[in-house]
Amino acid sequence: MDADSGTGPRPTEPQHLTDLLLDAICVVDPDGRFLAIRGACEAIFGYRPEEMIGKPMIHFVYEPDRPRTLQAVARIMDGYLQRHFENRYVRKDGRLVHIMWSARWVPQDGVRIAVARDVTGRRDSANRAETLEAADAAPRWKLCGSPPRLMPPALSAVPLSAQDHVVLLALGKGGGSVVSRRAIVAALGEDYLQYDQRRLDSQMRRLRRKVEQACGLKLPVATVRGVGYRFFESIEISD
């Protein structure tokens, strides 16, 4: 048969692109049961997709991480786009795997779509090793300036805006004491007498929400009404 006739054998279909991914794409129903998993399912979870489909996702989550995982699910179901949420799953072989999730609720289809990435290797990097060396010490937050980010205890970094970093830096330098609103406004480079105090309140609300949505932990900053704010847990500051 002439190869140019168009009637020869068709080329072999390539493997589905999602099967080549390093991440796993998960589809979950409103009750939290896996409907489909594509991509690196077995590489990440240790299970084949058919072993997880139809089962509640929460059953695979490491038990200490279940409460904040369910809190993150509730936020997603309320319409929030969840980015960079980290928790731990128990693999089929019993090992723990640290997973970074990005997820959203798709109301028109009645499903949650989530992308899972294995970040265990990064958790075992130099930063994690440093954290493990202090495992017997009190949980420590870490504020870094380049790039601006806040690292909760034993969790992944939360990216910060320049203003967020300035505010947290002022609170961190307070050493656990109350930092006045005037001092925070001065750190922002603003004139306290001309500064709209509602801007600071709004920024603190956004910052608290950003941290909680990213890692499931509440930002340890207390409001001292009429005075200022206090970062009440141990925090390490670095460039």
C-alpha atoms as a PDB file:
ATOM      1  CA  MET A   1       0.000   0.000   0.000  1.00  0.00           C
ATOM      2  CA  ASP A   2       1.338   3.470  -0.913  1.00  0.00           C
ATOM      3  CA  ALA A   3       2.449   5.260   2.268  1.00  0.00           C
ATOM      4  CA  ASP A   4       0.992   8.484   0.902  1.00  0.00           C
ATOM      5  CA  SER A   5      -2.455   7.013   0.370  1.00  0.00           C
ATOM      6  CA  GLY A   6      -3.505   7.679   3.949  1.00  0.00           C
ATOM      7  CA  THR A   7      -4.824   4.147   4.369  1.00  0.00           C
ATOM      8  CA  GLY A   8      -1.781   2.617   6.103  1.00  0.00           C
ATOM      9  CA  PRO A   9      -1.693   1.595   9.784  1.00  0.00           C
ATOM     10  CA  ARG A  10      -2.204   4.374  12.309  1.00  0.00           C
ATOM     11  CA  PRO A  11       0.685   5.203  14.675  1.00  0.00           C
ATOM     12  CA  THR A  12       0.534   3.738  18.169  1.00  0.00           C
ATOM     13  CA  GLU A  13      -1.271   6.011  20.657  1.00  0.00           C
ATOM     14  CA  PRO A  14       1.202   7.534  23.148  1.00  0.00           C
ATOM     15  CA  GLN A  15       0.843   6.864  26.872  1.00  0.00           C
ATOM     16  CA  HIS A  16      -1.595   9.299  28.466  1.00  0.00           C
ATOM     17  CA  LEU A  17       0.323  12.395  29.464  1.00  0.00           C
ATOM     18  CA  THR A  18      -0.960  12.355  33.033  1.00  0.00           C
ATOM     19  CA  ASP A  19       0.665   8.959  33.576  1.00  0.00           C
ATOM     20  CA  LEU A  20       4.020  10.644  33.043  1.00  0.00           C
ATOM     21  CA  LEU A  21       3.552  13.254  35.751  1.00  0.00           C
ATOM     22  CA  LEU A  22       5.675  13.394  38.896  1.00  0.00           C
ATOM     23  CA  ASP A  23       2.579  14.596  40.784  1.00  0.00           C
ATOM     24  CA  ALA A  24      -0.703  12.799  41.410  1.00  0.00           C
ATOM     25  CA  ILE A  25      -4.003  14.343  40.280  1.00  0.00           C
ATOM     26  CA  CYS A  26      -6.838  13.286  42.578  1.00  0.00           C
ATOM     27  CA  VAL A  27     -10.602  13.645  42.122  1.00  0.00           C
ATOM     28  CA  VAL A  28     -12.611  13.388  45.351  1.00  0.00           C
ATOM     29  CA  ASP A  29     -16.376  13.351  45.872  1.00  0.00           C
ATOM     30  CA  PRO A  30     -18.213  15.572  48.415  1.00  0.00           C
ATOM     31  CA  ASP A  31     -17.977  12.777  51.011  1.00  0.00           C
ATOM     32  CA  GLY A  32     -14.202  12.710  50.700  1.00  0.00           C
ATOM     33  CA  ARG A  33     -13.889   9.464  48.725  1.00  0.00           C
ATOM     34  CA  PHE A  34     -11.397   9.114  45.899  1.00  0.00           C
ATOM     35  CA  LEU A  35     -13.120   8.932  42.510  1.00  0.00           C
ATOM     36  CA  ALA A  36     -10.000   8.922  40.337  1.00  0.00           C
ATOM     37  CA  ILE A  37      -6.239   9.242  40.695  1.00  0.00           C
ATOM     38  CA  ARG A  38      -3.909   9.849  37.754  1.00  0.00           C
ATOM     39  CA  GLY A  39      -0.204  10.412  37.545  1.00  0.00           C
ATOM     40  CA  ALA A  40       2.309   9.299  40.168  1.00  0.00           C
ATOM     41  CA  CYS A  41      -0.158   7.561  42.481  1.00  0.00           C
ATOM     42  CA  GLU A  42       1.906   4.479  43.311  1.00  0.00           C
ATOM     43  CA  ALA A  43       5.185   6.420  43.471  1.00  0.00           C
ATOM     44  CA  ILE A  44       3.746   8.840  46.068  1.00  0.00           C
ATOM     45  CA  PHE A  45       1.248   6.783  48.071  1.00  0.00           C
ATOM     46  CA  GLY A  46       2.602   3.262  47.535  1.00  0.00           C
ATOM     47  CA  TYR A  47      -0.855   2.115  46.388  1.00  0.00           C
ATOM     48  CA  ARG A  48      -2.184   1.479  42.896  1.00  0.00           C
ATOM     49  CA  PRO A  49      -5.111   3.795  42.010  1.00  0.00           C
ATOM     50  CA  GLU A  50      -7.628   0.941  42.174  1.00  0.00           C
ATOM     51  CA  GLU A  51      -6.585   0.299  45.790  1.00  0.00           C
ATOM     52  CA  MET A  52      -7.539   3.861  46.800  1.00  0.00           C
ATOM     53  CA  ILE A  53     -10.539   4.636  44.605  1.00  0.00           C
ATOM     54  CA  GLY A  54     -13.807   4.437  46.531  1.00  0.00           C
ATOM     55  CA  LYS A  55     -12.111   4.845  49.904  1.00  0.00           C
ATOM     56  CA  PRO A  56     -12.141   7.968  52.120  1.00  0.00           C
ATOM     57  CA  MET A  57      -9.013  10.045  51.615  1.00  0.00           C
ATOM     58  CA  ILE A  58      -8.834  10.805  55.349  1.00  0.00           C
ATOM     59  CA  HIS A  59      -8.159   7.097  56.065  1.00  0.00           C
ATOM     60  CA  PHE A  60      -4.771   7.435  54.374  1.00  0.00           C
ATOM     61  CA  VAL A  61      -3.780  10.588  56.289  1.00  0.00           C
ATOM     62  CA  TYR A  62      -1.391  10.219  59.233  1.00  0.00           C
ATOM     63  CA  GLU A  63      -3.673  10.399  62.282  1.00  0.00           C
ATOM     64  CA  PRO A  64      -2.079  13.445  64.005  1.00  0.00           C
ATOM     65  CA  ASP A  65      -2.571  15.431  60.780  1.00  0.00           C
ATOM     66  CA  ARG A  66      -6.254  14.554  60.310  1.00  0.00           C
ATOM     67  CA  PRO A  67      -7.863  17.436  62.276  1.00  0.00           C
ATOM     68  CA  ARG A  68      -6.086  20.222  60.365  1.00  0.00           C
ATOM     69  CA  THR A  69      -6.550  18.285  57.091  1.00  0.00           C
ATOM     70  CA  LEU A  70     -10.309  18.289  57.684  1.00  0.00           C
ATOM     71  CA  GLN A  71     -10.130  22.021  58.478  1.00  0.00           C
ATOM     72  CA  ALA A  72      -8.431  22.582  55.127  1.00  0.00           C
ATOM     73  CA  VAL A  73     -11.126  20.498  53.403  1.00  0.00           C
ATOM     74  CA  ALA A  74     -13.823  22.666  55.000  1.00  0.00           C
ATOM     75  CA  ARG A  75     -12.151  25.815  53.652  1.00  0.00           C
ATOM     76  CA  ILE A  76     -11.963  24.279  50.181  1.00  0.00           C
ATOM     77  CA  MET A  77     -15.652  23.340  50.294  1.00  0.00           C
ATOM     78  CA  ASP A  78     -16.397  26.960  51.216  1.00  0.00           C
ATOM     79  CA  GLY A  79     -14.849  28.022  47.934  1.00  0.00           C
ATOM     80  CA  TYR A  80     -11.244  28.806  48.878  1.00  0.00           C
ATOM     81  CA  LEU A  81      -8.491  27.824  46.461  1.00  0.00           C
ATOM     82  CA  GLN A  82      -6.097  25.936  48.712  1.00  0.00           C
ATOM     83  CA  ARG A  83      -2.430  26.257  47.784  1.00  0.00           C
ATOM     84  CA  HIS A  84       0.655  24.718  49.375  1.00  0.00           C
ATOM     85  CA  PHE A  85      -1.099  22.809  52.163  1.00  0.00           C
ATOM     86  CA  GLU A  86       1.176  20.132  53.619  1.00  0.00           C
ATOM     87  CA  ASN A  87       0.274  16.992  55.516  1.00  0.00           C
ATOM     88  CA  ARG A  88       1.542  13.448  55.929  1.00  0.00           C
ATOM     89  CA  TYR A  89       0.124  10.264  54.445  1.00  0.00           C
ATOM     90  CA  VAL A  90       0.895   6.699  55.483  1.00  0.00           C
ATOM     91  CA  ARG A  91       2.176   4.733  52.506  1.00  0.00           C
ATOM     92  CA  LYS A  92       1.213   1.118  51.888  1.00  0.00           C
ATOM     93  CA  ASP A  93       4.636   0.051  53.212  1.00  0.00           C
ATOM     94  CA  GLY A  94       4.000   1.984  56.455  1.00  0.00           C
ATOM     95  CA  ARG A  95       6.399   4.848  55.770  1.00  0.00           C
ATOM     96  CA  LEU A  96       5.284   8.452  56.155  1.00  0.00           C
ATOM     97  CA  VAL A  97       5.332  10.704  53.102  1.00  0.00           C
ATOM     98  CA  HIS A  98       5.131  14.494  53.277  1.00  0.00           C
ATOM     99  CA  ILE A  99       2.715  15.760  50.639  1.00  0.00           C
ATOM    100  CA  MET A 100       2.146  19.272  49.370  1.00  0.00           C
ATOM    101  CA  TRP A 101      -1.408  19.821  48.091  1.00  0.00           C
ATOM    102  CA  SER A 102      -3.101  22.373  45.897  1.00  0.00           C
ATOM    103  CA  ALA A 103      -6.856  21.860  45.712  1.00  0.00           C
ATOM    104  CA  ARG A 104     -10.141  23.454  44.778  1.00  0.00           C
ATOM    105  CA  TRP A 105     -13.853  22.620  44.823  1.00  0.00           C
ATOM    106  CA  VAL A 106     -15.535  22.449  41.404  1.00  0.00           C
ATOM    107  CA  PRO A 107     -19.229  22.975  42.222  1.00  0.00           C
ATOM    108  CA  GLN A 108     -20.529  22.447  38.686  1.00  0.00           C
ATOM    109  CA  ASP A 109     -19.060  18.944  38.713  1.00  0.00           C
ATOM    110  CA  GLY A 110     -19.566  18.257  42.407  1.00  0.00           C
ATOM    111  CA  VAL A 111     -15.959  17.195  42.985  1.00  0.00           C
ATOM    112  CA  ARG A 112     -12.714  18.374  44.571  1.00  0.00           C
ATOM    113  CA  ILE A 113      -9.661  18.409  42.347  1.00  0.00           C
ATOM    114  CA  ALA A 114      -6.325  18.153  44.131  1.00  0.00           C
ATOM    115  CA  VAL A 115      -2.723  17.890  42.980  1.00  0.00           C
ATOM    116  CA  ALA A 116      -0.351  16.034  45.318  1.00  0.00           C
ATOM    117  CA  ARG A 117       3.418  16.446  45.287  1.00  0.00           C
ATOM    118  CA  ASP A 118       5.849  14.380  47.347  1.00  0.00           C
ATOM    119  CA  VAL A 119       8.068  16.842  49.248  1.00  0.00           C
ATOM    120  CA  THR A 120       9.630  14.284  51.588  1.00  0.00           C
ATOM    121  CA  GLY A 121      13.053  14.836  50.080  1.00  0.00           C
ATOM    122  CA  ARG A 122      12.877  18.533  50.720  1.00  0.00           C
ATOM    123  CA  ARG A 123      11.738  17.918  54.269  1.00  0.00           C
ATOM    124  CA  ASP A 124      14.911  15.872  54.705  1.00  0.00           C
ATOM    125  CA  SER A 125      17.062  18.687  53.368  1.00  0.00           C
ATOM    126  CA  ALA A 126      19.362  20.903  55.401  1.00  0.00           C
ATOM    127  CA  ASN A 127      16.484  23.041  56.678  1.00  0.00           C
ATOM    128  CA  ARG A 128      14.657  19.994  57.977  1.00  0.00           C
ATOM    129  CA  ALA A 129      17.828  18.574  59.504  1.00  0.00           C
ATOM    130  CA  GLU A 130      18.262  21.818  61.414  1.00  0.00           C
ATOM    131  CA  THR A 131      14.702  21.520  62.689  1.00  0.00           C
ATOM    132  CA  LEU A 132      15.201  17.940  63.780  1.00  0.00           C
ATOM    133  CA  GLU A 133      18.299  18.879  65.758  1.00  0.00           C
ATOM    134  CA  ALA A 134      16.062  21.080  67.889  1.00  0.00           C
ATOM    135  CA  ALA A 135      13.287  18.499  68.202  1.00  0.00           C
ATOM    136  CA  ASP A 136      13.499  18.518  71.993  1.00  0.00           C
ATOM    137  CA  ALA A 137      13.159  22.295  72.132  1.00  0.00           C
ATOM    138  CA  ALA A 138       9.956  24.315  72.024  1.00  0.00           C
ATOM    139  CA  PRO A 139       8.361  24.622  68.550  1.00  0.00           C
ATOM    140  CA  ARG A 140      10.069  27.446  66.711  1.00  0.00           C
ATOM    141  CA  TRP A 141       8.830  29.615  63.894  1.00  0.00           C
ATOM    142  CA  LYS A 142      11.394  31.055  61.493  1.00  0.00           C
ATOM    143  CA  LEU A 143      11.186  34.378  59.651  1.00  0.00           C
ATOM    144  CA  CYS A 144      13.430  34.783  56.614  1.00  0.00           C
ATOM    145  CA  GLY A 145      13.980  37.894  54.534  1.00  0.00           C
ATOM    146  CA  SER A 146      15.431  36.668  51.244  1.00  0.00           C
ATOM    147  CA  PRO A 147      12.964  35.846  49.869  1.00  0.00           C
ATOM    148  CA  PRO A 148      10.385  36.947  52.480  1.00  0.00           C
ATOM    149  CA  ARG A 149       8.833  33.839  54.009  1.00  0.00           C
ATOM    150  CA  LEU A 150       7.572  32.490  57.325  1.00  0.00           C
ATOM    151  CA  MET A 151       8.386  28.892  58.219  1.00  0.00           C
ATOM    152  CA  PRO A 152       5.996  27.271  60.726  1.00  0.00           C
ATOM    153  CA  PRO A 153       7.453  24.534  62.972  1.00  0.00           C
ATOM    154  CA  ALA A 154       8.290  21.438  60.848  1.00  0.00           C
ATOM    155  CA  LEU A 155       6.155  22.663  57.918  1.00  0.00           C
ATOM    156  CA  SER A 156       6.835  24.296  54.587  1.00  0.00           C
ATOM    157  CA  ALA A 157       7.477  28.004  54.191  1.00  0.00           C
ATOM    158  CA  VAL A 158       4.630  30.473  53.662  1.00  0.00           C
ATOM    159  CA  PRO A 159       5.546  33.190  51.110  1.00  0.00           C
ATOM    160  CA  LEU A 160       5.144  36.726  52.444  1.00  0.00           C
ATOM    161  CA  SER A 161       4.698  40.131  50.892  1.00  0.00           C
ATOM    162  CA  ALA A 162       7.282  42.801  51.741  1.00  0.00           C
ATOM    163  CA  GLN A 163       4.809  44.497  54.120  1.00  0.00           C
ATOM    164  CA  ASP A 164       3.956  41.179  55.810  1.00  0.00           C
ATOM    165  CA  HIS A 165       7.652  40.616  56.414  1.00  0.00           C
ATOM    166  CA  VAL A 166       8.147  44.099  57.890  1.00  0.00           C
ATOM    167  CA  VAL A 167       5.244  43.611  60.304  1.00  0.00           C
ATOM    168  CA  LEU A 168       6.399  40.167  61.429  1.00  0.00           C
ATOM    169  CA  LEU A 169       9.976  41.395  61.744  1.00  0.00           C
ATOM    170  CA  ALA A 170       8.835  44.165  64.090  1.00  0.00           C
ATOM    171  CA  LEU A 171       6.839  41.650  66.143  1.00  0.00           C
ATOM    172  CA  GLY A 172       9.661  39.109  66.156  1.00  0.00           C
ATOM    173  CA  LYS A 173      12.140  41.663  67.442  1.00  0.00           C
ATOM    174  CA  GLY A 174       9.760  42.331  70.307  1.00  0.00           C
ATOM    175  CA  GLY A 175      11.027  39.171  71.999  1.00  0.00           C
ATOM    176  CA  GLY A 176       7.560  38.092  73.094  1.00  0.00           C
ATOM    177  CA  SER A 177       6.597  41.516  74.428  1.00  0.00           C
ATOM    178  CA  VAL A 178       3.800  43.691  73.100  1.00  0.00           C
ATOM    179  CA  VAL A 179       4.885  45.813  70.136  1.00  0.00           C
ATOM    180  CA  SER A 180       2.914  49.041  69.919  1.00  0.00           C
ATOM    181  CA  ARG A 181       0.909  50.020  66.888  1.00  0.00           C
ATOM    182  CA  ARG A 182       3.034  53.160  66.654  1.00  0.00           C
ATOM    183  CA  ALA A 183       6.226  51.037  66.427  1.00  0.00           C
ATOM    184  CA  ILE A 184       4.740  48.817  63.716  1.00  0.00           C
ATOM    185  CA  VAL A 185       3.572  51.809  61.677  1.00  0.00           C
ATOM    186  CA  ALA A 186       7.033  53.374  62.024  1.00  0.00           C
ATOM    187  CA  ALA A 187       8.605  50.117  60.782  1.00  0.00           C
ATOM    188  CA  LEU A 188       6.349  50.366  57.725  1.00  0.00           C
ATOM    189  CA  GLY A 189       7.786  53.817  57.048  1.00  0.00           C
ATOM    190  CA  GLU A 190       4.495  55.588  57.658  1.00  0.00           C
ATOM    191  CA  ASP A 191       3.567  58.679  59.699  1.00  0.00           C
ATOM    192  CA  TYR A 192       1.585  57.372  62.659  1.00  0.00           C
ATOM    193  CA  LEU A 193      -0.513  60.540  62.951  1.00  0.00           C
ATOM    194  CA  GLN A 194      -1.515  60.329  59.277  1.00  0.00           C
ATOM    195  CA  TYR A 195      -1.808  56.549  59.091  1.00  0.00           C
ATOM    196  CA  ASP A 196      -5.278  54.985  58.866  1.00  0.00           C
ATOM    197  CA  GLN A 197      -5.260  52.422  61.701  1.00  0.00           C
ATOM    198  CA  ARG A 198      -7.781  50.281  59.864  1.00  0.00           C
ATOM    199  CA  ARG A 199      -5.080  49.452  57.307  1.00  0.00           C
ATOM    200  CA  LEU A 200      -2.999  47.747  59.986  1.00  0.00           C
ATOM    201  CA  ASP A 201      -5.988  45.802  61.278  1.00  0.00           C
ATOM    202  CA  SER A 202      -6.832  44.659  57.747  1.00  0.00           C
ATOM    203  CA  GLN A 203      -3.257  43.607  57.097  1.00  0.00           C
ATOM    204  CA  MET A 204      -3.139  41.525  60.263  1.00  0.00           C
ATOM    205  CA  ARG A 205      -6.398  39.783  59.318  1.00  0.00           C
ATOM    206  CA  ARG A 206      -5.059  38.971  55.842  1.00  0.00           C
ATOM    207  CA  LEU A 207      -1.761  37.742  57.273  1.00  0.00           C
ATOM    208  CA  ARG A 208      -3.467  35.451  59.782  1.00  0.00           C
ATOM    209  CA  ARG A 209      -5.736  34.058  57.064  1.00  0.00           C
ATOM    210  CA  LYS A 210      -2.790  33.520  54.680  1.00  0.00           C
ATOM    211  CA  VAL A 211      -0.829  31.507  57.246  1.00  0.00           C
ATOM    212  CA  GLU A 212      -3.789  29.389  58.337  1.00  0.00           C
ATOM    213  CA  GLN A 213      -4.822  28.589  54.771  1.00  0.00           C
ATOM    214  CA  ALA A 214      -1.261  27.679  53.812  1.00  0.00           C
ATOM    215  CA  CYS A 215      -0.336  25.378  56.692  1.00  0.00           C
ATOM    216  CA  GLY A 216      -3.420  24.832  58.862  1.00  0.00           C
ATOM    217  CA  LEU A 217      -1.841  26.525  61.891  1.00  0.00           C
ATOM    218  CA  LYS A 218      -2.957  29.747  63.492  1.00  0.00           C
ATOM    219  CA  LEU A 219      -0.447  32.590  63.433  1.00  0.00           C
ATOM    220  CA  PRO A 220       0.706  33.007  67.075  1.00  0.00           C
ATOM    221  CA  VAL A 221       0.029  36.739  67.200  1.00  0.00           C
ATOM    222  CA  ALA A 222      -2.190  38.134  69.933  1.00  0.00           C
ATOM    223  CA  THR A 223      -4.015  41.448  69.672  1.00  0.00           C
ATOM    224  CA  VAL A 224      -3.625  43.694  72.697  1.00  0.00           C
ATOM    225  CA  ARG A 225      -6.581  45.990  72.233  1.00  0.00           C
ATOM    226  CA  GLY A 226      -5.698  49.644  72.007  1.00  0.00           C
ATOM    227  CA  VAL A 227      -1.975  48.925  72.345  1.00  0.00           C
ATOM    228  CA  GLY A 228      -0.570  46.659  69.652  1.00  0.00           C
ATOM    229  CA  TYR A 229       0.313  43.043  68.917  1.00  0.00           C
ATOM    230  CA  ARG A 230       2.467  40.312  70.439  1.00  0.00           C
ATOM    231  CA  PHE A 231       4.117  37.292  68.787  1.00  0.00           C
ATOM    232  CA  PHE A 232       3.775  34.841  71.669  1.00  0.00           C
ATOM    233  CA  GLU A 233       5.777  31.834  70.443  1.00  0.00           C
ATOM    234  CA  SER A 234       9.499  31.399  69.866  1.00  0.00           C
ATOM    235  CA  ILE A 235      10.632  32.810  66.518  1.00  0.00           C
ATOM    236  CA  GLU A 236      14.030  32.779  64.814  1.00  0.00           C
ATOM    237  CA  ILE A 237      14.889  35.654  62.474  1.00  0.00           C
ATOM    238  CA  SER A 238      17.350  35.315  59.603  1.00  0.00           C
ATOM    239  CA  ASP A 239      18.240  37.197  56.400  1.00  0.00           C
END
